[in-house]
Amino acid sequence: MNHIINVNIKLIGIFRELSKKNQFPMKLEEPAVVKKVIHKLTETFSPKFKQALIDPDLNDPRPNTLILVNGKEINVLDGLETKLNQDDEIAIIPVSHGG
């Protein structure tokens, strides 16, 4: 039987505007990784949310987004494969690139 964990998603900036939420509880089956959170968010919210979150050329959220797990940037952890535990907090923060 798969174990279910609860995590809390914090949505900042454009992600908060597009989802109309700043906190979003999520249930995930273990093994739970950041990639599953991203996938679930893109299914839950509008196509505009997905466009803002996912880089279309790379099919990856990281060029557009800073993703923190309990305050640590996922690139210093295991990237999108970063394992999640019960009650972890995942912050999704938009990155604006200067032109």
Protein backbone atom coordinates (compact mmCIF):
# COMPACT_ATOMS: atom_id res chain seq x y z
CA MET A 1 0.00 0.00 0.00
CA ASN A 2 1.31 3.44 -0.92
CA HIS A 3 1.83 5.89 1.87
CA ILE A 4 0.31 9.36 1.43
CA ILE A 5 2.08 12.46 2.72
CA ASN A 6 0.84 16.03 3.04
CA VAL A 7 2.96 18.93 1.86
CA ASN A 8 2.22 22.65 1.77
CA ILE A 9 2.79 24.67 -1.38
CA LYS A 10 3.44 28.41 -1.11
CA LEU A 11 2.73 30.30 -4.31
CA ILE A 12 4.39 33.69 -4.75
CA GLY A 13 3.88 36.55 -7.25
CA ILE A 14 2.36 35.62 -10.62
CA PHE A 15 1.68 32.07 -9.39
CA ARG A 16 -0.41 33.44 -6.54
CA GLU A 17 -2.31 35.70 -8.95
CA LEU A 18 -2.98 32.93 -11.47
CA SER A 19 -4.04 30.34 -8.88
CA LYS A 20 -5.89 32.78 -6.58
CA LYS A 21 -4.12 31.02 -3.68
CA ASN A 22 -1.03 31.77 -1.65
CA GLN A 23 -1.04 28.48 0.28
CA PHE A 24 -2.08 25.18 -1.21
CA PRO A 25 -2.08 21.88 0.70
CA MET A 26 -1.30 18.84 -1.44
CA LYS A 27 -1.46 15.10 -0.83
CA LEU A 28 1.18 13.03 -2.60
CA GLU A 29 1.83 9.32 -2.85
CA GLU A 30 5.29 8.25 -1.80
CA PRO A 31 7.86 8.31 -3.17
CA ALA A 32 7.06 12.00 -3.40
CA VAL A 33 9.41 14.25 -5.35
CA VAL A 34 9.30 17.89 -6.47
CA LYS A 35 8.54 16.83 -10.07
CA LYS A 36 5.19 15.36 -8.89
CA VAL A 37 4.29 18.68 -7.21
CA ILE A 38 5.00 20.59 -10.42
CA HIS A 39 2.96 18.11 -12.47
CA LYS A 40 0.02 18.29 -10.06
CA LEU A 41 0.09 22.11 -10.01
CA THR A 42 -0.02 22.27 -13.82
CA GLU A 43 -3.03 19.92 -13.80
CA THR A 44 -4.82 21.77 -11.00
CA PHE A 45 -4.59 25.33 -12.27
CA SER A 46 -5.14 27.10 -15.58
CA PRO A 47 -3.13 26.74 -18.80
CA LYS A 48 -1.82 30.27 -18.07
CA PHE A 49 -0.43 29.00 -14.77
CA LYS A 50 1.35 26.19 -16.62
CA GLN A 51 2.73 28.65 -19.20
CA ALA A 52 4.11 30.83 -16.41
CA LEU A 53 5.59 27.84 -14.59
CA ILE A 54 7.05 25.63 -17.33
CA ASP A 55 9.66 26.74 -19.86
CA PRO A 56 8.15 25.51 -23.18
CA ASP A 57 11.51 24.87 -24.88
CA LEU A 58 12.97 22.86 -22.02
CA ASN A 59 9.71 21.50 -20.55
CA ASP A 60 11.21 22.39 -17.19
CA PRO A 61 10.10 24.86 -14.50
CA ARG A 62 13.58 25.85 -13.38
CA PRO A 63 14.42 28.60 -15.92
CA ASN A 64 11.30 30.54 -14.81
CA THR A 65 11.01 29.55 -11.20
CA LEU A 66 12.91 29.34 -7.96
CA ILE A 67 11.71 26.24 -6.11
CA LEU A 68 12.53 25.93 -2.42
CA VAL A 69 11.95 22.91 -0.21
CA ASN A 70 11.95 23.98 3.44
CA GLY A 71 13.89 27.09 2.45
CA LYS A 72 16.56 25.31 0.36
CA GLU A 73 16.82 25.80 -3.38
CA ILE A 74 16.23 22.45 -5.15
CA ASN A 75 19.34 22.82 -7.33
CA VAL A 76 21.48 22.37 -4.20
CA LEU A 77 19.39 19.31 -3.32
CA ASP A 78 18.39 16.74 -5.96
CA GLY A 79 16.67 19.10 -8.39
CA LEU A 80 13.24 17.90 -9.54
CA GLU A 81 13.98 14.51 -7.97
CA THR A 82 14.30 16.06 -4.49
CA LYS A 83 12.43 13.76 -2.11
CA LEU A 84 9.61 15.23 -0.05
CA ASN A 85 8.56 14.27 3.45
CA GLN A 86 5.45 14.76 5.57
CA ASP A 87 4.70 18.49 6.14
CA ASP A 88 7.47 19.79 3.88
CA GLU A 89 6.94 23.30 2.56
CA ILE A 90 7.55 23.92 -1.13
CA ALA A 91 7.79 27.56 -2.24
CA ILE A 92 7.27 28.35 -5.92
CA ILE A 93 8.77 31.78 -6.69
CA PRO A 94 8.79 33.41 -10.14
CA VAL A 95 12.13 34.58 -11.50
CA SER A 96 12.10 37.57 -13.78
CA HIS A 97 14.97 37.67 -16.21
CA GLY A 98 16.40 41.06 -17.13
CA GLY A 99 16.45 41.74 -20.85
